């Protein structure tokens, strides 16, 4: 089991991918947790998700945690595959409940009803690559895997 969770290829590919995904989602997570970048903060986001979008509170909480904790953990390379799987689930949920009906393209010029699924597909591709590759160089996963391997010998 530890191989599945913590084993990673020691390449720059995993490092670049996890930092890209983490840096893209960290501002979204900060909007939802502490209200930075014009966000509603934790309480406001929960309220919007449950009252306006009619999501169950547990799903609203999961979205917030994936976007914030997942981003921080990806930047650290901590349990990379777990968070990559979580992002795939999050993005598929967003894509099929909200973005898919608006077509493929992002709403660059404001002439669509909402955002298309272009960004979702791109981020899912990055997350799937992380599932295959792992956290890469300078990840906490590498350090943890080495320590666990020494203990289990």
N, C-alpha and C. Protein backbone atom coordinates (compact mmCIF):
# COMPACT_ATOMS: atom_id res chain seq x y z
N UNK A 1 0.82 -1.20 0.00
CA UNK A 1 0.00 0.00 0.00
C UNK A 1 0.87 1.27 0.00
N UNK A 2 1.96 1.24 0.76
CA UNK A 2 2.82 2.43 0.81
C UNK A 2 3.41 2.75 -0.55
N UNK A 3 3.63 1.73 -1.38
CA UNK A 3 4.15 1.96 -2.73
C UNK A 3 3.15 2.76 -3.56
N UNK A 4 1.89 2.42 -3.44
CA UNK A 4 0.86 3.09 -4.21
C UNK A 4 0.73 4.55 -3.79
N UNK A 5 0.82 4.81 -2.49
CA UNK A 5 0.59 6.16 -1.98
C UNK A 5 1.82 7.05 -2.12
N UNK A 6 2.98 6.55 -1.70
CA UNK A 6 4.15 7.41 -1.56
C UNK A 6 5.23 7.26 -2.63
N UNK A 7 5.27 6.13 -3.33
CA UNK A 7 6.34 5.93 -4.32
C UNK A 7 6.20 6.95 -5.43
N UNK A 8 7.32 7.53 -5.83
CA UNK A 8 7.31 8.53 -6.88
C UNK A 8 8.55 8.40 -7.73
N UNK A 9 8.44 8.79 -8.98
CA UNK A 9 9.61 8.85 -9.84
C UNK A 9 10.35 10.15 -9.50
N UNK A 10 11.64 10.07 -9.37
CA UNK A 10 12.42 11.24 -8.97
C UNK A 10 12.78 12.09 -10.18
N UNK A 11 11.75 12.67 -10.79
CA UNK A 11 11.95 13.49 -11.99
C UNK A 11 11.42 14.89 -11.73
N UNK A 12 11.80 15.80 -12.60
CA UNK A 12 11.28 17.15 -12.51
C UNK A 12 9.85 17.23 -13.04
N UNK A 13 9.41 16.22 -13.78
CA UNK A 13 8.05 16.23 -14.34
C UNK A 13 7.01 16.31 -13.23
N UNK A 14 7.12 15.44 -12.24
CA UNK A 14 6.18 15.47 -11.13
C UNK A 14 6.23 16.78 -10.37
N UNK A 15 7.44 17.30 -10.16
CA UNK A 15 7.61 18.59 -9.48
C UNK A 15 6.89 19.70 -10.24
N UNK A 16 7.11 19.77 -11.53
CA UNK A 16 6.50 20.82 -12.35
C UNK A 16 4.98 20.69 -12.37
N UNK A 17 4.50 19.48 -12.54
CA UNK A 17 3.05 19.26 -12.61
C UNK A 17 2.37 19.59 -11.28
N UNK A 18 2.93 19.11 -10.17
CA UNK A 18 2.27 19.36 -8.88
C UNK A 18 2.34 20.82 -8.48
N UNK A 19 3.45 21.49 -8.81
CA UNK A 19 3.53 22.93 -8.50
C UNK A 19 2.57 23.73 -9.38
N UNK A 20 2.42 23.32 -10.62
CA UNK A 20 1.47 24.00 -11.51
C UNK A 20 0.05 23.87 -10.97
N UNK A 21 -0.37 22.65 -10.68
CA UNK A 21 -1.73 22.43 -10.19
C UNK A 21 -1.94 23.09 -8.83
N UNK A 22 -0.95 22.97 -7.95
CA UNK A 22 -1.04 23.58 -6.63
C UNK A 22 -1.13 25.10 -6.70
N UNK A 23 -0.30 25.72 -7.54
CA UNK A 23 -0.32 27.18 -7.65
C UNK A 23 -1.59 27.70 -8.32
N UNK A 24 -2.17 26.91 -9.20
CA UNK A 24 -3.42 27.32 -9.84
C UNK A 24 -4.58 27.28 -8.84
N UNK A 25 -4.60 26.25 -7.99
CA UNK A 25 -5.73 26.08 -7.09
C UNK A 25 -5.57 26.76 -5.74
N UNK A 26 -4.36 27.12 -5.34
CA UNK A 26 -4.18 27.77 -4.04
C UNK A 26 -4.99 29.07 -3.92
N UNK A 27 -4.97 29.96 -4.91
CA UNK A 27 -5.81 31.17 -4.77
C UNK A 27 -7.31 30.84 -4.66
N UNK A 28 -7.77 29.81 -5.35
CA UNK A 28 -9.18 29.41 -5.23
C UNK A 28 -9.46 28.93 -3.80
N UNK A 29 -8.54 28.14 -3.26
CA UNK A 29 -8.69 27.67 -1.90
C UNK A 29 -8.65 28.80 -0.88
N UNK A 30 -7.79 29.79 -1.12
CA UNK A 30 -7.70 30.94 -0.21
C UNK A 30 -8.96 31.81 -0.29
N UNK A 31 -9.58 31.88 -1.46
CA UNK A 31 -10.86 32.58 -1.58
C UNK A 31 -11.90 31.91 -0.69
N UNK A 32 -11.91 30.59 -0.74
CA UNK A 32 -12.96 29.83 -0.06
C UNK A 32 -12.69 29.64 1.44
N UNK A 33 -11.44 29.72 1.87
CA UNK A 33 -11.15 29.50 3.29
C UNK A 33 -11.04 30.80 4.08
N UNK A 34 -10.30 31.77 3.58
CA UNK A 34 -10.05 32.99 4.36
C UNK A 34 -10.52 34.26 3.66
N UNK A 35 -11.14 34.13 2.51
CA UNK A 35 -11.73 35.28 1.84
C UNK A 35 -10.76 36.16 1.07
N UNK A 36 -9.57 35.68 0.79
CA UNK A 36 -8.64 36.45 -0.03
C UNK A 36 -9.11 36.51 -1.47
N UNK A 37 -8.57 37.45 -2.22
CA UNK A 37 -8.85 37.61 -3.66
C UNK A 37 -10.34 37.76 -3.94
N UNK A 38 -11.04 38.43 -3.06
CA UNK A 38 -12.46 38.69 -3.27
C UNK A 38 -13.38 37.53 -2.93
N UNK A 39 -12.86 36.51 -2.26
CA UNK A 39 -13.67 35.35 -1.91
C UNK A 39 -14.57 35.60 -0.72
N UNK A 40 -15.46 34.66 -0.49
CA UNK A 40 -16.46 34.80 0.57
C UNK A 40 -15.98 34.22 1.90
N UNK A 41 -14.81 33.60 1.94
CA UNK A 41 -14.36 32.95 3.17
C UNK A 41 -15.10 31.65 3.40
N UNK A 42 -14.73 30.96 4.48
CA UNK A 42 -15.27 29.63 4.74
C UNK A 42 -16.78 29.66 4.94
N UNK A 43 -17.26 30.47 5.86
CA UNK A 43 -18.69 30.50 6.18
C UNK A 43 -19.51 30.96 4.98
N UNK A 44 -19.04 32.00 4.30
CA UNK A 44 -19.76 32.51 3.13
C UNK A 44 -19.80 31.50 2.00
N UNK A 45 -18.70 30.78 1.80
CA UNK A 45 -18.66 29.77 0.73
C UNK A 45 -19.60 28.61 1.05
N UNK A 46 -19.58 28.16 2.30
CA UNK A 46 -20.50 27.08 2.69
C UNK A 46 -21.94 27.53 2.45
N UNK A 47 -22.24 28.76 2.81
CA UNK A 47 -23.60 29.28 2.62
C UNK A 47 -23.99 29.32 1.14
N UNK A 48 -23.09 29.83 0.29
CA UNK A 48 -23.37 29.88 -1.15
C UNK A 48 -23.56 28.47 -1.71
N UNK A 49 -22.67 27.56 -1.35
CA UNK A 49 -22.75 26.19 -1.89
C UNK A 49 -24.02 25.48 -1.45
N UNK A 50 -24.42 25.67 -0.19
CA UNK A 50 -25.58 24.93 0.31
C UNK A 50 -26.91 25.62 -0.02
N UNK A 51 -26.95 26.95 0.06
CA UNK A 51 -28.23 27.65 -0.13
C UNK A 51 -28.50 28.01 -1.59
N UNK A 52 -27.46 28.41 -2.33
CA UNK A 52 -27.67 28.82 -3.72
C UNK A 52 -27.45 27.68 -4.71
N UNK A 53 -26.41 26.90 -4.47
CA UNK A 53 -26.11 25.79 -5.39
C UNK A 53 -26.75 24.48 -4.95
N UNK A 54 -27.33 24.47 -3.76
CA UNK A 54 -28.05 23.32 -3.20
C UNK A 54 -27.18 22.07 -3.09
N UNK A 55 -25.91 22.28 -2.77
CA UNK A 55 -25.02 21.15 -2.52
C UNK A 55 -25.15 20.71 -1.07
N UNK A 56 -25.00 19.43 -0.80
CA UNK A 56 -24.96 19.00 0.61
C UNK A 56 -23.75 19.64 1.31
N UNK A 57 -23.89 19.91 2.59
CA UNK A 57 -22.82 20.56 3.35
C UNK A 57 -21.51 19.77 3.28
N UNK A 58 -21.58 18.46 3.28
CA UNK A 58 -20.36 17.64 3.23
C UNK A 58 -19.63 17.83 1.90
N UNK A 59 -20.38 18.00 0.81
CA UNK A 59 -19.76 18.24 -0.50
C UNK A 59 -19.15 19.64 -0.52
N UNK A 60 -19.84 20.61 0.02
CA UNK A 60 -19.31 21.98 0.09
C UNK A 60 -18.00 21.99 0.88
N UNK A 61 -17.98 21.30 2.01
CA UNK A 61 -16.78 21.20 2.84
C UNK A 61 -15.65 20.51 2.07
N UNK A 62 -15.99 19.42 1.37
CA UNK A 62 -14.98 18.68 0.60
C UNK A 62 -14.37 19.56 -0.50
N UNK A 63 -15.18 20.33 -1.19
CA UNK A 63 -14.68 21.23 -2.24
C UNK A 63 -13.67 22.20 -1.66
N UNK A 64 -14.02 22.80 -0.53
CA UNK A 64 -13.13 23.77 0.11
C UNK A 64 -11.82 23.11 0.52
N UNK A 65 -11.91 21.94 1.13
CA UNK A 65 -10.70 21.25 1.60
C UNK A 65 -9.82 20.80 0.44
N UNK A 66 -10.43 20.31 -0.62
CA UNK A 66 -9.63 19.88 -1.78
C UNK A 66 -8.91 21.08 -2.39
N UNK A 67 -9.62 22.19 -2.55
CA UNK A 67 -8.99 23.35 -3.19
C UNK A 67 -7.92 23.99 -2.31
N UNK A 68 -8.09 23.98 -0.99
CA UNK A 68 -7.07 24.60 -0.13
C UNK A 68 -6.03 23.59 0.34
N UNK A 69 -6.45 22.58 1.09
CA UNK A 69 -5.49 21.59 1.62
C UNK A 69 -4.80 20.84 0.49
N UNK A 70 -5.56 20.52 -0.55
CA UNK A 70 -4.97 19.82 -1.69
C UNK A 70 -3.89 20.63 -2.36
N UNK A 71 -4.12 21.93 -2.52
CA UNK A 71 -3.12 22.79 -3.15
C UNK A 71 -1.85 22.86 -2.31
N UNK A 72 -2.02 23.06 -1.00
CA UNK A 72 -0.85 23.13 -0.11
C UNK A 72 -0.08 21.81 -0.14
N UNK A 73 -0.80 20.70 -0.05
CA UNK A 73 -0.14 19.39 -0.06
C UNK A 73 0.54 19.11 -1.40
N UNK A 74 -0.05 19.53 -2.50
CA UNK A 74 0.61 19.36 -3.79
C UNK A 74 1.89 20.17 -3.85
N UNK A 75 1.88 21.38 -3.35
CA UNK A 75 3.09 22.19 -3.35
C UNK A 75 4.19 21.55 -2.52
N UNK A 76 3.81 20.87 -1.45
CA UNK A 76 4.78 20.16 -0.61
C UNK A 76 5.12 18.77 -1.17
N UNK A 77 4.30 18.28 -2.06
CA UNK A 77 4.48 16.92 -2.56
C UNK A 77 4.08 15.89 -1.53
N UNK A 78 3.05 16.19 -0.76
CA UNK A 78 2.60 15.32 0.33
C UNK A 78 1.34 14.57 -0.08
N UNK A 79 1.44 13.27 -0.17
CA UNK A 79 0.35 12.37 -0.57
C UNK A 79 -0.20 12.84 -1.93
N UNK A 80 0.70 13.03 -2.86
CA UNK A 80 0.40 13.62 -4.17
C UNK A 80 -0.69 12.86 -4.91
N UNK A 81 -0.57 11.54 -4.97
CA UNK A 81 -1.56 10.76 -5.73
C UNK A 81 -2.97 10.89 -5.15
N UNK A 82 -3.08 10.91 -3.83
CA UNK A 82 -4.39 11.07 -3.19
C UNK A 82 -5.03 12.38 -3.62
N UNK A 83 -4.26 13.48 -3.52
CA UNK A 83 -4.82 14.79 -3.88
C UNK A 83 -5.09 14.89 -5.37
N UNK A 84 -4.28 14.25 -6.19
CA UNK A 84 -4.54 14.26 -7.64
C UNK A 84 -5.86 13.56 -7.94
N UNK A 85 -6.11 12.45 -7.28
CA UNK A 85 -7.39 11.74 -7.46
C UNK A 85 -8.54 12.62 -6.98
N UNK A 86 -8.34 13.30 -5.86
CA UNK A 86 -9.38 14.21 -5.34
C UNK A 86 -9.68 15.32 -6.34
N UNK A 87 -8.64 15.86 -6.98
CA UNK A 87 -8.85 16.92 -7.98
C UNK A 87 -9.57 16.39 -9.20
N UNK A 88 -9.29 15.17 -9.62
CA UNK A 88 -10.01 14.59 -10.75
C UNK A 88 -11.50 14.52 -10.41
N UNK A 89 -11.81 14.01 -9.22
CA UNK A 89 -13.21 13.93 -8.79
C UNK A 89 -13.87 15.30 -8.71
N UNK A 90 -13.17 16.26 -8.12
CA UNK A 90 -13.69 17.62 -8.01
C UNK A 90 -13.97 18.22 -9.39
N UNK A 91 -13.01 18.11 -10.27
CA UNK A 91 -13.15 18.72 -11.60
C UNK A 91 -14.20 18.02 -12.45
N UNK A 92 -14.30 16.71 -12.34
CA UNK A 92 -15.38 16.01 -13.06
C UNK A 92 -16.74 16.46 -12.56
N UNK A 93 -16.86 16.60 -11.24
CA UNK A 93 -18.12 17.07 -10.66
C UNK A 93 -18.47 18.46 -11.15
N UNK A 94 -17.51 19.37 -11.12
CA UNK A 94 -17.75 20.74 -11.60
C UNK A 94 -18.08 20.74 -13.08
N UNK A 95 -17.32 19.96 -13.83
CA UNK A 95 -17.50 19.94 -15.28
C UNK A 95 -18.91 19.45 -15.66
N UNK A 96 -19.33 18.34 -15.06
CA UNK A 96 -20.61 17.76 -15.47
C UNK A 96 -21.82 18.45 -14.85
N UNK A 97 -21.64 19.16 -13.73
CA UNK A 97 -22.79 19.85 -13.13
C UNK A 97 -22.91 21.29 -13.57
N UNK A 98 -21.82 21.91 -14.02
CA UNK A 98 -21.86 23.34 -14.30
C UNK A 98 -21.30 23.72 -15.66
N UNK A 99 -20.11 23.27 -15.99
CA UNK A 99 -19.41 23.79 -17.17
C UNK A 99 -19.77 23.11 -18.48
N UNK A 100 -20.10 21.83 -18.44
CA UNK A 100 -20.34 21.07 -19.67
C UNK A 100 -21.46 21.67 -20.52
N UNK A 101 -22.48 22.18 -19.87
CA UNK A 101 -23.63 22.76 -20.59
C UNK A 101 -23.25 24.05 -21.33
N UNK A 102 -22.09 24.63 -20.99
CA UNK A 102 -21.65 25.86 -21.65
C UNK A 102 -20.67 25.61 -22.78
N UNK A 103 -20.47 24.35 -23.12
CA UNK A 103 -19.60 24.01 -24.23
C UNK A 103 -18.16 23.80 -23.82
N UNK A 104 -17.28 23.87 -24.78
CA UNK A 104 -15.86 23.56 -24.58
C UNK A 104 -15.06 24.75 -24.08
N UNK A 105 -15.25 25.90 -24.70
CA UNK A 105 -14.36 27.03 -24.48
C UNK A 105 -14.64 27.78 -23.18
N UNK A 106 -13.56 28.32 -22.60
CA UNK A 106 -13.71 29.23 -21.47
C UNK A 106 -14.39 30.50 -21.96
N UNK A 107 -14.96 31.25 -21.05
CA UNK A 107 -15.74 32.44 -21.39
C UNK A 107 -14.84 33.68 -21.45
N UNK A 108 -13.93 33.69 -22.40
CA UNK A 108 -12.94 34.75 -22.50
C UNK A 108 -13.56 36.13 -22.73
N UNK A 109 -14.60 36.20 -23.52
CA UNK A 109 -15.15 37.50 -23.92
C UNK A 109 -16.48 37.81 -23.25
N UNK A 110 -16.93 36.97 -22.33
CA UNK A 110 -18.16 37.24 -21.59
C UNK A 110 -19.42 37.09 -22.40
N UNK A 111 -19.36 36.36 -23.52
CA UNK A 111 -20.54 36.21 -24.36
C UNK A 111 -21.21 34.85 -24.20
N UNK A 112 -20.77 34.05 -23.24
CA UNK A 112 -21.41 32.77 -22.94
C UNK A 112 -22.17 32.91 -21.62
N UNK A 113 -23.04 31.96 -21.36
CA UNK A 113 -23.79 31.94 -20.11
C UNK A 113 -22.85 31.68 -18.93
N UNK A 114 -21.78 30.94 -19.16
CA UNK A 114 -20.81 30.59 -18.12
C UNK A 114 -19.56 30.01 -18.74
N UNK A 115 -18.74 29.42 -17.91
CA UNK A 115 -17.48 28.83 -18.38
C UNK A 115 -17.72 27.47 -19.02
N UNK A 116 -16.95 27.17 -20.06
CA UNK A 116 -16.96 25.84 -20.66
C UNK A 116 -16.04 24.91 -19.90
N UNK A 117 -15.82 23.73 -20.43
CA UNK A 117 -15.06 22.70 -19.71
C UNK A 117 -13.58 22.63 -20.12
N UNK A 118 -13.09 23.59 -20.88
CA UNK A 118 -11.71 23.59 -21.35
C UNK A 118 -10.71 23.52 -20.19
N UNK A 119 -10.85 24.40 -19.21
CA UNK A 119 -9.94 24.41 -18.07
C UNK A 119 -10.02 23.11 -17.29
N UNK A 120 -11.23 22.60 -17.08
CA UNK A 120 -11.42 21.37 -16.32
C UNK A 120 -10.64 20.22 -16.96
N UNK A 121 -10.75 20.10 -18.27
CA UNK A 121 -10.04 19.02 -18.98
C UNK A 121 -8.53 19.16 -18.87
N UNK A 122 -8.04 20.37 -18.95
CA UNK A 122 -6.61 20.61 -18.81
C UNK A 122 -6.12 20.23 -17.42
N UNK A 123 -6.82 20.67 -16.39
CA UNK A 123 -6.43 20.36 -15.02
C UNK A 123 -6.57 18.86 -14.72
N UNK A 124 -7.59 18.21 -15.29
CA UNK A 124 -7.73 16.76 -15.12
C UNK A 124 -6.53 16.05 -15.75
N UNK A 125 -6.09 16.52 -16.91
CA UNK A 125 -4.91 15.93 -17.55
C UNK A 125 -3.67 16.04 -16.67
N UNK A 126 -3.48 17.18 -16.04
CA UNK A 126 -2.34 17.36 -15.13
C UNK A 126 -2.48 16.42 -13.94
N UNK A 127 -3.68 16.33 -13.37
CA UNK A 127 -3.90 15.47 -12.21
C UNK A 127 -3.68 14.00 -12.56
N UNK A 128 -4.14 13.56 -13.71
CA UNK A 128 -3.94 12.16 -14.13
C UNK A 128 -2.44 11.87 -14.30
N UNK A 129 -1.71 12.83 -14.87
CA UNK A 129 -0.26 12.65 -15.00
C UNK A 129 0.39 12.52 -13.62
N UNK A 130 -0.10 13.26 -12.64
CA UNK A 130 0.43 13.14 -11.28
C UNK A 130 0.10 11.79 -10.65
N UNK A 131 -1.06 11.26 -10.97
CA UNK A 131 -1.41 9.93 -10.47
C UNK A 131 -0.42 8.90 -10.99
N UNK A 132 -0.03 9.02 -12.24
CA UNK A 132 0.93 8.10 -12.85
C UNK A 132 2.35 8.37 -12.34
N UNK A 133 2.75 9.62 -12.33
CA UNK A 133 4.14 10.03 -12.06
C UNK A 133 4.47 10.11 -10.57
N UNK A 134 3.53 10.56 -9.77
CA UNK A 134 3.82 10.84 -8.38
C UNK A 134 4.33 12.26 -8.23
N UNK A 135 4.79 12.59 -7.04
CA UNK A 135 5.19 13.96 -6.71
C UNK A 135 6.51 14.41 -7.31
N UNK A 136 7.35 13.50 -7.72
CA UNK A 136 8.62 13.86 -8.34
C UNK A 136 9.65 14.38 -7.36
N UNK A 137 10.63 15.06 -7.88
CA UNK A 137 11.74 15.58 -7.08
C UNK A 137 11.23 16.54 -6.00
N UNK A 138 11.96 16.53 -4.90
CA UNK A 138 11.71 17.45 -3.78
C UNK A 138 10.32 17.31 -3.18
N UNK A 139 9.74 16.12 -3.27
CA UNK A 139 8.42 15.91 -2.68
C UNK A 139 8.57 15.26 -1.31
N UNK A 140 7.64 15.56 -0.43
CA UNK A 140 7.59 14.91 0.88
C UNK A 140 7.33 13.41 0.72
N UNK A 141 6.64 13.04 -0.35
CA UNK A 141 6.37 11.63 -0.61
C UNK A 141 7.66 10.83 -0.69
N UNK A 142 8.67 11.38 -1.36
CA UNK A 142 9.96 10.69 -1.49
C UNK A 142 10.57 10.47 -0.12
N UNK A 143 10.57 11.49 0.69
CA UNK A 143 11.15 11.41 2.04
C UNK A 143 10.39 10.39 2.88
N UNK A 144 9.07 10.45 2.86
CA UNK A 144 8.24 9.53 3.66
C UNK A 144 8.45 8.10 3.18
N UNK A 145 8.49 7.89 1.87
CA UNK A 145 8.68 6.53 1.33
C UNK A 145 10.01 5.95 1.79
N UNK A 146 11.06 6.77 1.77
CA UNK A 146 12.37 6.30 2.23
C UNK A 146 12.34 5.92 3.70
N UNK A 147 11.71 6.74 4.51
CA UNK A 147 11.62 6.46 5.95
C UNK A 147 10.81 5.20 6.21
N UNK A 148 9.68 5.05 5.55
CA UNK A 148 8.85 3.86 5.72
C UNK A 148 9.61 2.62 5.26
N UNK A 149 10.34 2.72 4.17
CA UNK A 149 11.09 1.58 3.66
C UNK A 149 12.18 1.16 4.65
N UNK A 150 12.83 2.12 5.30
CA UNK A 150 13.85 1.80 6.31
C UNK A 150 13.24 1.13 7.54
N UNK A 151 12.08 1.60 7.94
CA UNK A 151 11.41 1.04 9.12
C UNK A 151 10.94 -0.39 8.86
N UNK A 152 10.44 -0.64 7.66
CA UNK A 152 9.87 -1.96 7.36
C UNK A 152 10.91 -3.03 7.06
N UNK A 153 12.18 -2.65 6.99
CA UNK A 153 13.24 -3.65 6.71
C UNK A 153 13.63 -4.38 7.95
